[in-house]
Protein backbone atom coordinates (compact mmCIF):
# COMPACT_ATOMS: atom_id res chain seq x y z
CA UNK A 1 18.19 -2.12 -0.18
CA UNK A 2 17.61 0.99 1.89
CA UNK A 3 14.76 3.47 2.23
CA UNK A 4 16.24 6.97 2.16
CA UNK A 5 13.13 9.18 2.39
CA UNK A 6 9.38 8.71 2.73
CA UNK A 7 6.52 11.03 1.86
CA UNK A 8 2.77 10.75 1.57
CA UNK A 9 -0.38 12.60 0.67
CA UNK A 10 -3.86 12.01 2.09
CA UNK A 11 -6.80 14.10 0.89
CA UNK A 12 -8.43 16.21 3.60
CA UNK A 13 -12.03 15.12 3.11
CA UNK A 14 -13.42 12.28 5.28
CA UNK A 15 -16.64 10.51 4.37
CA UNK A 16 -18.46 9.14 7.48
CA UNK A 17 -20.33 5.87 7.66
CA UNK A 18 -23.64 7.72 7.90
CA UNK A 19 -23.24 8.70 4.25
CA UNK A 20 -23.53 5.05 3.23
CA UNK A 21 -26.64 4.52 5.35
CA UNK A 22 -28.37 6.93 3.00
CA UNK A 23 -26.94 5.04 0.01
CA UNK A 24 -27.31 1.38 0.98
CA UNK A 25 -29.12 1.23 4.32
CA UNK A 26 -26.00 -0.08 6.11
CA UNK A 27 -25.70 1.38 9.60
CA UNK A 28 -22.47 2.80 10.97
CA UNK A 29 -22.42 0.12 13.67
CA UNK A 30 -22.73 -2.60 11.02
CA UNK A 31 -19.83 -1.19 8.99
CA UNK A 32 -17.60 -0.74 12.03
CA UNK A 33 -18.33 -4.24 13.32
CA UNK A 34 -17.51 -5.88 10.00
CA UNK A 35 -14.70 -3.68 8.70
CA UNK A 36 -13.40 -1.38 11.45
CA UNK A 37 -13.96 1.63 9.17
CA UNK A 38 -15.52 4.81 10.58
CA UNK A 39 -14.50 7.29 7.88
CA UNK A 40 -12.59 7.11 4.60
CA UNK A 41 -10.44 9.64 2.72
CA UNK A 42 -11.82 11.14 -0.46
CA UNK A 43 -9.88 13.07 -3.10
CA UNK A 44 -11.33 16.21 -4.62
CA UNK A 45 -12.74 16.02 -8.16
CA UNK A 46 -9.61 17.80 -9.46
CA UNK A 47 -7.28 15.33 -7.72
CA UNK A 48 -6.11 12.03 -9.13
CA UNK A 49 -3.25 9.53 -8.84
CA UNK A 50 -0.95 11.85 -10.78
CA UNK A 51 -1.57 14.91 -8.61
CA UNK A 52 -1.49 12.92 -5.36
CA UNK A 53 1.81 11.29 -6.41
CA UNK A 54 3.40 14.68 -7.00
CA UNK A 55 2.27 15.83 -3.53
CA UNK A 56 3.65 12.66 -1.90
CA UNK A 57 7.02 13.26 -3.53
CA UNK A 58 7.03 16.88 -2.35
CA UNK A 59 6.34 15.68 1.18
CA UNK A 60 9.43 13.42 1.05
CA UNK A 61 11.84 15.97 -0.40
CA UNK A 62 12.86 17.75 2.83
CA UNK A 63 14.33 14.49 4.18
CA UNK A 64 15.87 13.26 0.89
CA UNK A 65 19.66 13.08 1.39
CA UNK A 66 20.56 13.53 -2.30
CA UNK A 67 19.38 15.46 -5.34
CA UNK A 68 16.12 14.10 -6.72
CA UNK A 69 17.72 14.25 -10.18
CA UNK A 70 19.99 11.36 -9.08
CA UNK A 71 16.98 9.02 -9.25
CA UNK A 72 17.40 6.50 -12.08
CA UNK A 73 14.04 4.72 -11.95
CA UNK A 74 10.48 5.85 -11.19
CA UNK A 75 7.69 3.29 -10.74
CA UNK A 76 4.05 4.20 -10.25
CA UNK A 77 2.27 1.29 -8.54
CA UNK A 78 -1.47 1.70 -8.90
CA UNK A 79 -4.62 -0.03 -10.20
CA UNK A 80 -6.60 3.21 -10.64
CA UNK A 81 -4.52 5.30 -13.06
CA UNK A 82 -5.70 8.72 -14.12
CA UNK A 83 -3.93 8.27 -17.44
CA UNK A 84 -2.60 4.95 -18.70
CA UNK A 85 -0.23 6.68 -21.12
CA UNK A 86 0.92 9.83 -19.31
CA UNK A 87 1.33 7.84 -16.07
CA UNK A 88 2.07 9.18 -12.63
CA UNK A 89 5.68 8.08 -13.08
CA UNK A 90 6.05 10.25 -16.17
CA UNK A 91 4.25 13.17 -14.53
CA UNK A 92 6.61 13.00 -11.54
CA UNK A 93 9.59 12.77 -13.90
CA UNK A 94 8.39 15.91 -15.69
CA UNK A 95 7.44 17.81 -12.53
CA UNK A 96 10.83 17.34 -10.88
CA UNK A 97 13.04 17.30 -13.98
CA UNK A 98 14.40 13.77 -13.43
CA UNK A 99 15.64 13.63 -17.02
CA UNK A 100 17.55 10.37 -17.19
CA UNK A 101 15.30 8.04 -15.20
CA UNK A 102 13.39 5.06 -16.51
CA UNK A 103 9.69 5.52 -15.78
CA UNK A 104 6.67 3.23 -15.94
CA UNK A 105 3.47 2.12 -14.23
CA UNK A 106 2.76 -1.37 -12.87
CA UNK A 107 -0.18 -3.02 -11.19
CA UNK A 108 -0.84 -6.09 -9.08
CA UNK A 109 -3.88 -4.81 -7.19
CA UNK A 110 -3.33 -4.01 -3.53
CA UNK A 111 0.08 -5.69 -3.43
CA UNK A 112 1.39 -3.30 -6.13
CA UNK A 113 3.72 -1.34 -3.85
CA UNK A 114 5.52 -4.45 -2.58
CA UNK A 115 5.76 -5.76 -6.15
CA UNK A 116 7.39 -2.47 -7.13
CA UNK A 117 9.94 -2.94 -4.37
CA UNK A 118 10.82 -6.36 -5.76
CA UNK A 119 11.17 -4.89 -9.27
CA UNK A 120 13.59 -2.30 -7.88
CA UNK A 121 15.51 -5.09 -6.15
CA UNK A 122 15.90 -6.79 -9.53
CA UNK A 123 17.21 -3.63 -11.19
CA UNK A 124 19.69 -3.16 -8.34
CA UNK A 125 20.85 -6.77 -8.62
CA UNK A 126 21.40 -6.34 -12.37
CA UNK A 127 23.74 -3.45 -11.72
CA UNK A 128 21.77 -1.13 -14.01
CA UNK A 129 20.99 1.46 -11.35
CA UNK A 130 21.31 2.31 -7.67
CA UNK A 131 18.58 4.84 -6.83
CA UNK A 132 14.83 4.55 -7.40
CA UNK A 133 11.55 6.23 -6.52
CA UNK A 134 8.41 4.19 -5.92
CA UNK A 135 5.02 5.89 -5.84
CA UNK A 136 2.07 3.93 -4.53
CA UNK A 137 -1.40 5.37 -4.75
CA UNK A 138 -5.00 4.93 -5.74
CA UNK A 139 -8.02 7.13 -6.24
CA UNK A 140 -10.50 4.39 -5.46
CA UNK A 141 -13.37 6.86 -5.45
CA UNK A 142 -12.88 7.41 -9.19
CA UNK A 143 -14.05 3.85 -9.77
CA UNK A 144 -16.13 3.12 -6.68
CA UNK A 145 -19.83 2.25 -6.88
CA UNK A 146 -21.19 3.82 -3.69
CA UNK A 147 -24.51 2.01 -4.08
CA UNK A 148 -22.84 -1.41 -3.81
CA UNK A 149 -23.71 -2.77 -0.34
CA UNK A 150 -20.91 -5.36 -0.51
CA UNK A 151 -17.95 -3.05 -0.93
CA UNK A 152 -19.05 0.48 -1.75
CA UNK A 153 -18.21 1.67 1.74
CA UNK A 154 -14.61 0.31 1.88
CA UNK A 155 -12.52 2.60 -0.25
CA UNK A 156 -10.26 5.59 0.43
CA UNK A 157 -7.77 7.68 -1.56
CA UNK A 158 -4.06 8.37 -0.86
CA UNK A 159 -0.54 8.22 -2.23
CA UNK A 160 2.94 7.48 -0.84
CA UNK A 161 6.48 8.04 -2.19
CA UNK A 162 9.55 6.04 -1.16
CA UNK A 163 13.09 6.86 -2.28
CA UNK A 164 15.13 3.64 -2.30
CA UNK A 165 18.85 3.00 -2.81
CA UNK A 166 21.01 -0.06 -3.38
CA UNK A 167 23.54 0.98 -0.71
CA UNK A 168 23.11 2.83 2.58
CA UNK A 169 23.21 6.59 2.10
CA UNK A 170 22.81 7.85 5.70
CA UNK A 171 22.71 6.27 9.18
CA UNK A 172 18.99 7.08 9.25
CA UNK A 173 18.09 4.85 6.31
CA UNK A 174 15.65 1.98 6.90
CA UNK A 175 17.10 -1.33 5.72
CA UNK A 176 14.95 -3.67 3.65
CA UNK A 177 16.10 -7.11 4.79
CA UNK A 178 13.95 -9.06 2.33
CA UNK A 179 11.03 -8.61 -0.02
CA UNK A 180 8.85 -11.36 -1.48
CA UNK A 181 5.79 -11.41 -3.75
CA UNK A 182 3.62 -14.05 -5.36
CA UNK A 183 0.72 -14.37 -7.78
CA UNK A 184 -2.20 -16.44 -6.45
CA UNK A 185 -4.61 -16.57 -9.34
CA UNK A 186 -5.05 -20.33 -8.87
CA UNK A 187 -6.35 -20.29 -5.29
CA UNK A 188 -9.91 -19.79 -4.09
CA UNK A 189 -11.94 -17.45 -6.28
CA UNK A 190 -8.77 -16.04 -7.85
CA UNK A 191 -9.44 -13.29 -10.42
CA UNK A 192 -13.16 -13.27 -9.54
CA UNK A 193 -12.57 -12.34 -5.92
CA UNK A 194 -12.00 -8.63 -6.46
CA UNK A 195 -12.62 -6.76 -9.69
CA UNK A 196 -12.12 -3.37 -11.26
CA UNK A 197 -13.84 -3.24 -14.64
CA UNK A 198 -14.01 0.44 -15.61
CA UNK A 199 -16.84 -0.02 -18.09
CA UNK A 200 -18.70 -2.66 -16.09
CA UNK A 201 -19.54 -1.57 -12.57
CA UNK A 202 -16.16 -0.21 -11.43
CA UNK A 203 -14.41 -1.64 -8.38
CA UNK A 204 -16.20 -4.44 -6.53
CA UNK A 205 -15.59 -7.33 -4.17
CA UNK A 206 -18.22 -9.96 -5.03
CA UNK A 207 -16.38 -12.73 -3.12
CA UNK A 208 -15.71 -10.99 0.16
CA UNK A 209 -15.81 -14.19 2.24
CA UNK A 210 -13.15 -15.83 0.10
CA UNK A 211 -11.00 -12.70 0.25
CA UNK A 212 -11.27 -12.74 4.04
CA UNK A 213 -10.24 -16.41 4.33
CA UNK A 214 -7.34 -16.10 1.90
CA UNK A 215 -6.02 -12.86 3.44
CA UNK A 216 -6.12 -14.32 6.98
CA UNK A 217 -4.06 -17.27 5.73
CA UNK A 218 -1.66 -15.75 3.20
CA UNK A 219 -0.57 -12.55 4.97
CA UNK A 220 0.74 -14.19 8.17
CA UNK A 221 2.21 -17.08 6.14
CA UNK A 222 4.34 -14.72 4.08
CA UNK A 223 5.32 -12.68 7.13
CA UNK A 224 6.42 -15.86 8.89
CA UNK A 225 8.39 -16.90 5.80
CA UNK A 226 10.45 -13.72 5.83
CA UNK A 227 10.92 -13.77 9.59
CA UNK A 228 12.17 -17.37 9.51
CA UNK A 229 14.46 -16.63 6.55
CA UNK A 230 16.16 -13.92 8.59
CA UNK A 231 16.36 -15.76 11.91
CA UNK A 232 13.37 -14.11 13.58
CA UNK A 233 9.89 -15.01 14.83
CA UNK A 234 6.71 -13.03 15.42
CA UNK A 235 7.92 -12.42 18.97
CA UNK A 236 10.86 -10.44 17.58
CA UNK A 237 8.65 -8.01 15.63
CA UNK A 238 8.43 -4.42 16.84
CA UNK A 239 5.44 -3.76 14.55
CA UNK A 240 3.25 -5.66 12.09
CA UNK A 241 1.50 -3.80 9.27
CA UNK A 242 -1.07 -5.83 7.33
CA UNK A 243 -2.96 -4.65 4.28
CA UNK A 244 -5.65 -2.20 5.35
CA UNK A 245 -8.64 -4.00 3.87
CA UNK A 246 -10.52 -5.04 7.01
CA UNK A 247 -9.77 -4.65 10.69
CA UNK A 248 -11.29 -8.09 11.35
CA UNK A 249 -8.57 -9.62 9.15
CA UNK A 250 -5.86 -7.80 11.09
CA UNK A 251 -7.35 -8.78 14.44
CA UNK A 252 -7.65 -12.39 13.29
CA UNK A 253 -3.95 -12.46 12.41
CA UNK A 254 -2.99 -10.75 15.66
CA UNK A 255 -4.99 -13.23 17.72
CA UNK A 256 -3.63 -16.29 15.92
CA UNK A 257 0.00 -15.15 16.15
CA UNK A 258 -0.10 -13.45 19.55
CA UNK A 259 0.66 -9.98 18.21
CA UNK A 260 -0.25 -7.45 20.93
CA UNK A 261 -2.38 -4.42 20.02
CA UNK A 262 0.53 -1.99 20.46
CA UNK A 263 2.47 -3.81 17.72
CA UNK A 264 -0.40 -3.77 15.22
CA UNK A 265 -0.31 -0.54 13.22
CA UNK A 266 -3.34 0.56 11.23
CA UNK A 267 -5.08 3.57 9.65
CA UNK A 268 -8.16 1.83 8.23
CA UNK A 269 -10.51 3.28 10.87
CA UNK A 270 -9.95 6.78 9.49
CA UNK A 271 -8.88 6.28 5.87
CA UNK A 272 -10.53 3.04 4.70
CA UNK A 273 -8.84 0.74 2.18
CA UNK A 274 -6.36 2.96 0.29
CA UNK A 275 -5.32 0.18 -2.07
CA UNK A 276 -1.77 0.34 -3.39
CA UNK A 277 -0.80 2.95 -0.76
CA UNK A 278 -2.19 1.00 2.23
CA UNK A 279 0.68 -0.61 4.20
CA UNK A 280 3.32 1.76 2.88
CA UNK A 281 1.12 4.63 4.01
CA UNK A 282 0.78 3.22 7.54
CA UNK A 283 4.57 2.99 7.82
CA UNK A 284 4.96 6.51 6.46
CA UNK A 285 2.48 7.95 8.95
CA UNK A 286 4.28 6.27 11.84
CA UNK A 287 7.92 6.78 10.80
CA UNK A 288 8.66 9.22 13.62
CA UNK A 289 7.72 6.69 16.33
CA UNK A 290 10.18 4.01 15.19
CA UNK A 291 13.40 3.50 17.16
CA UNK A 292 16.79 2.22 16.04
CA UNK A 293 16.77 -1.55 15.35
CA UNK A 294 12.97 -1.80 15.34
CA UNK A 295 11.87 -4.74 13.17
CA UNK A 296 8.80 -4.07 11.00
CA UNK A 297 6.98 -6.51 8.75
CA UNK A 298 4.59 -5.40 6.01
CA UNK A 299 2.33 -8.07 4.54
CA UNK A 300 -0.23 -7.48 1.80
CA UNK A 301 -2.96 -9.35 -0.06
CA UNK A 302 -4.90 -8.12 -3.04
CA UNK A 303 -7.00 -8.89 -6.04
CA UNK A 304 -5.96 -11.29 -8.72
CA UNK A 305 -5.15 -12.78 -6.22
CA UNK A 306 -1.71 -11.36 -5.36
CA UNK A 307 0.36 -11.06 -2.21
CA UNK A 308 3.70 -9.95 -0.84
CA UNK A 309 5.68 -9.13 2.27
CA UNK A 310 8.60 -6.94 3.21
CA UNK A 311 10.84 -7.08 6.31
CA UNK A 312 12.36 -3.79 7.39
CA UNK A 313 14.91 -2.90 10.07
CA UNK A 314 15.10 0.69 11.30
């Protein structure tokens, strides 16, 4: 598979840590020390996953090497839908007149975007289509309980859009060497680790310690799996992008696997945990810095539990 064009949308507003001191009594230093977050992105009241997805697609269009109407599949990967019937996938289909595409929404918590990539891979393998559009995004602040001292300060809003093809379209395409996902509902606290119950407290992370331990174990394990499968090691990586849930998790992985700071890409300090966008957003924001033959590994871990990894060559 190949990535043909990438776009993203991040709301302009930033909410500083001091805001949460007034809410929960947590100091900025405490939040930074334990999460690495200084500010987080917040969508406007009139913005949602649907509107942010449309903006992310618009951002990608100038670099798209074919007509958007050639897209045959649109997947919205999110756990915070604005509308569970008129999904972001259908809104994008309507907005850009992509008449003949399949369109649906899927969710596997923060690993949703990588899961969507694997779904696209399956469609490509079946021979049913050759061009797809994946939108990853969440408006966490629509469900966030800001008075929750455990996780109310973690969340940000954003969306990304990736156009993906079965075959290479241009020499500038990024090649997806391998993608892998797994459900992990049977380990640790499983479905109780992270929750989003719209009518019962919204998004929460009651088992933060278990999430930390599992993420520090699973994300590098899956990255190593893909690297080994393709004849590489961590030393061969140009960049590692882990799920943007907690900078301490990323630093733990970097220390244990000797990943230097310059190879560890992140946006959590400014944007917080942007959920389904997360890793894909980090790659999108850094796409201009990548050089030919750079090797990039994305590895994610999310609620449920769920996980996945993707190995990309520029």
